[in-house]
């Protein structure tokens, strides 16, 4: 069963300045963001990755490159528009403090499943959620041909929050309760029965638990879909 490491891109000048970048081209990691991405690449280095799947935007591509740096052999890199940023339409490139005065802001906060961003390029948050969740399920199926792969998905805050809400069995209207910081790690393990949310918004924890144990002789035991009653002893 696949384990998905959801990585938000490192910080950009737009993030630091409180501007909603959306699909604006040419938004790169700033100095802090490059520092964050390099540190995350080092932290994830011991974790074997079957693949890295990234949004096509520059800030995610740069973060994905940092995850791949120094890996020999490097896992395949795939670009998937379905995990790209929400299309914010006319909100794109607007300061958040200005957008907070728009009546739609309250809908985005309290009832995001009904929010559709204005303009010809705007999409609904429900549509964004559906495409991102479908992409993860698709990559789970593609990469699960052999063994129990661990792979990284490098994406954006709202996209990752939507994937986590789905994994938790939450309605999209609850996804604003989830926090996803720049260059944070969120981990979901998928099984036949249900996903398990292993970690959320981790910006510095030990990832050695993702390194698979040495292969035991004999028949490989299939990962359980059952939750540990009482909480278990940890990984």
Foldseek 3Di string as FASTA:
>chain_A
DAKEKEWEFFDWVCNVQQWAAAQPAPTAHDPRRLVLLLVLLVLCQLFDAQEEEEEPHHRLVSSVVSVQPPDVPGHYYHYDNLQEGAQQAPSHGPHVVVVCPDPLVVCCQQPQQPRWHDHPRTGGLVSSLVSLLVVVVVVCVVRVPDDHGYHYYYHHFSNVLSNVCVQVVHDSSPSVVAGAHHRFIWMWGDDPVGIDGDDGNHSDDRPPVNHDDPDDPDDDDDDDPDQDVVHDDHD
